[in-house]
Every structure is written in C-alpha cells, then in structure tokens.
Amino acid sequence: MPHHAPQPITLDAIPTPHPLDPLTGPEIAAARAILSSAGLLGESVRVPMLLPDEPTRSELAAWAPGAPIDRR
C-alpha cells in the first residue's frame, strides 16, 4: 500500500491565480484520485507529465483575475 494516499478535495476550494498557471498539488492529487478510482493506475503505471488543457483564446480573453475557469 503506498504511503501517499490520495486525500479527498473539492476543486471549487482551489484558488486559481491564472488559467495558464501549472497544476497545483491538490489538482494533481485530484487527477490521481480520478485515475486511481477508474482503475487506470497500477504498480507499473508511471505518469511522467500531467498538464491541463489550455483554455481557448476566447476563454482566456474573457477571464478576469479572481474569476473561475474550467481547469480541464
């Protein structure tokens, strides 16, 4: 059993300073929990890079500091 067990989080509670910022630790943990619960992580699975889909230009242009954005 791994010693870094995923912790439940809600993505609404994670502040996002800018849509193009790298994923936060809690966002990475949430992605890991999703993959794990779907049975996609195992002993031999390695994820060398985990990146969000960038927002479209129109989504980015419409974004204002403090406004929520869909981190996919």
C-alpha atoms as a PDB file:
ATOM      1  CA  MET A   1       0.000   0.000   0.000  1.00  0.00           C
ATOM      2  CA  PRO A   2       1.502   3.383  -0.961  1.00  0.00           C
ATOM      3  CA  HIS A   3       2.348   5.769   1.836  1.00  0.00           C
ATOM      4  CA  HIS A   4       0.969   8.760  -0.090  1.00  0.00           C
ATOM      5  CA  ALA A   5      -2.727   8.004  -0.023  1.00  0.00           C
ATOM      6  CA  PRO A   6      -4.857  10.475  -2.009  1.00  0.00           C
ATOM      7  CA  GLN A   7      -6.782  12.952   0.089  1.00  0.00           C
ATOM      8  CA  PRO A   8     -10.332  13.902  -0.924  1.00  0.00           C
ATOM      9  CA  ILE A   9     -10.606  17.500  -2.102  1.00  0.00           C
ATOM     10  CA  THR A  10     -13.100  19.684  -3.878  1.00  0.00           C
ATOM     11  CA  LEU A  11     -11.782  21.558  -6.881  1.00  0.00           C
ATOM     12  CA  ASP A  12     -14.003  24.528  -6.020  1.00  0.00           C
ATOM     13  CA  ALA A  13     -11.806  25.146  -2.974  1.00  0.00           C
ATOM     14  CA  ILE A  14      -8.608  25.505  -5.016  1.00  0.00           C
ATOM     15  CA  PRO A  15      -7.707  29.091  -5.904  1.00  0.00           C
ATOM     16  CA  THR A  16      -6.540  29.578  -9.483  1.00  0.00           C
ATOM     17  CA  PRO A  17      -4.424  32.703  -9.835  1.00  0.00           C
ATOM     18  CA  HIS A  18      -4.253  32.481 -13.645  1.00  0.00           C
ATOM     19  CA  PRO A  19      -5.666  29.994 -16.195  1.00  0.00           C
ATOM     20  CA  LEU A  20      -2.206  29.266 -17.645  1.00  0.00           C
ATOM     21  CA  ASP A  21      -0.551  28.534 -14.288  1.00  0.00           C
ATOM     22  CA  PRO A  22       0.743  24.981 -13.778  1.00  0.00           C
ATOM     23  CA  LEU A  23      -1.427  22.491 -11.932  1.00  0.00           C
ATOM     24  CA  THR A  24      -1.416  22.844  -8.164  1.00  0.00           C
ATOM     25  CA  GLY A  25      -0.603  19.997  -5.797  1.00  0.00           C
ATOM     26  CA  PRO A  26      -4.282  19.491  -4.912  1.00  0.00           C
ATOM     27  CA  GLU A  27      -5.224  19.438  -8.629  1.00  0.00           C
ATOM     28  CA  ILE A  28      -2.594  16.768  -9.280  1.00  0.00           C
ATOM     29  CA  ALA A  29      -3.892  14.787  -6.292  1.00  0.00           C
ATOM     30  CA  ALA A  30      -7.446  15.085  -7.648  1.00  0.00           C
ATOM     31  CA  ALA A  31      -6.329  13.853 -11.083  1.00  0.00           C
ATOM     32  CA  ARG A  32      -4.526  10.942  -9.449  1.00  0.00           C
ATOM     33  CA  ALA A  33      -7.628  10.066  -7.429  1.00  0.00           C
ATOM     34  CA  ILE A  34      -9.764  10.109 -10.584  1.00  0.00           C
ATOM     35  CA  LEU A  35      -7.330   7.861 -12.464  1.00  0.00           C
ATOM     36  CA  SER A  36      -6.993   5.542  -9.488  1.00  0.00           C
ATOM     37  CA  SER A  37     -10.754   5.206  -8.940  1.00  0.00           C
ATOM     38  CA  ALA A  38     -11.151   4.406 -12.647  1.00  0.00           C
ATOM     39  CA  GLY A  39      -8.643   1.566 -12.246  1.00  0.00           C
ATOM     40  CA  LEU A  40      -6.103   3.224 -14.549  1.00  0.00           C
ATOM     41  CA  LEU A  41      -3.205   3.308 -12.080  1.00  0.00           C
ATOM     42  CA  GLY A  42      -1.319   0.208 -11.111  1.00  0.00           C
ATOM     43  CA  GLU A  43       2.078  -0.896  -9.845  1.00  0.00           C
ATOM     44  CA  SER A  44       3.724  -0.472 -13.258  1.00  0.00           C
ATOM     45  CA  VAL A  45       1.968   2.730 -14.394  1.00  0.00           C
ATOM     46  CA  ARG A  46       4.064   5.882 -14.489  1.00  0.00           C
ATOM     47  CA  VAL A  47       2.784   9.342 -15.412  1.00  0.00           C
ATOM     48  CA  PRO A  48       5.804  11.413 -16.478  1.00  0.00           C
ATOM     49  CA  MET A  49       3.821  14.573 -17.174  1.00  0.00           C
ATOM     50  CA  LEU A  50       0.374  15.826 -16.197  1.00  0.00           C
ATOM     51  CA  LEU A  51      -0.766  19.011 -17.913  1.00  0.00           C
ATOM     52  CA  PRO A  52      -4.121  20.798 -18.085  1.00  0.00           C
ATOM     53  CA  ASP A  53      -5.774  21.532 -21.415  1.00  0.00           C
ATOM     54  CA  GLU A  54      -5.194  25.208 -22.089  1.00  0.00           C
ATOM     55  CA  PRO A  55      -8.291  27.395 -22.378  1.00  0.00           C
ATOM     56  CA  THR A  56      -9.260  28.690 -25.791  1.00  0.00           C
ATOM     57  CA  ARG A  57      -8.187  32.191 -26.744  1.00  0.00           C
ATOM     58  CA  SER A  58     -11.729  33.460 -26.268  1.00  0.00           C
ATOM     59  CA  GLU A  59     -11.969  31.873 -22.796  1.00  0.00           C
ATOM     60  CA  LEU A  60      -8.628  33.387 -21.857  1.00  0.00           C
ATOM     61  CA  ALA A  61      -9.592  36.828 -23.196  1.00  0.00           C
ATOM     62  CA  ALA A  62     -12.860  36.734 -21.223  1.00  0.00           C
ATOM     63  CA  TRP A  63     -11.150  35.724 -17.970  1.00  0.00           C
ATOM     64  CA  ALA A  64     -10.629  38.314 -15.215  1.00  0.00           C
ATOM     65  CA  PRO A  65      -8.480  37.881 -12.078  1.00  0.00           C
ATOM     66  CA  GLY A  66     -10.442  36.034  -9.428  1.00  0.00           C
ATOM     67  CA  ALA A  67     -12.978  34.670 -11.922  1.00  0.00           C
ATOM     68  CA  PRO A  68     -13.379  30.887 -12.008  1.00  0.00           C
ATOM     69  CA  ILE A  69     -12.173  28.953 -15.037  1.00  0.00           C
ATOM     70  CA  ASP A  70     -12.669  25.339 -16.010  1.00  0.00           C
ATOM     71  CA  ARG A  71      -9.377  23.549 -15.342  1.00  0.00           C
ATOM     72  CA  ARG A  72      -9.563  20.502 -17.605  1.00  0.00           C
END
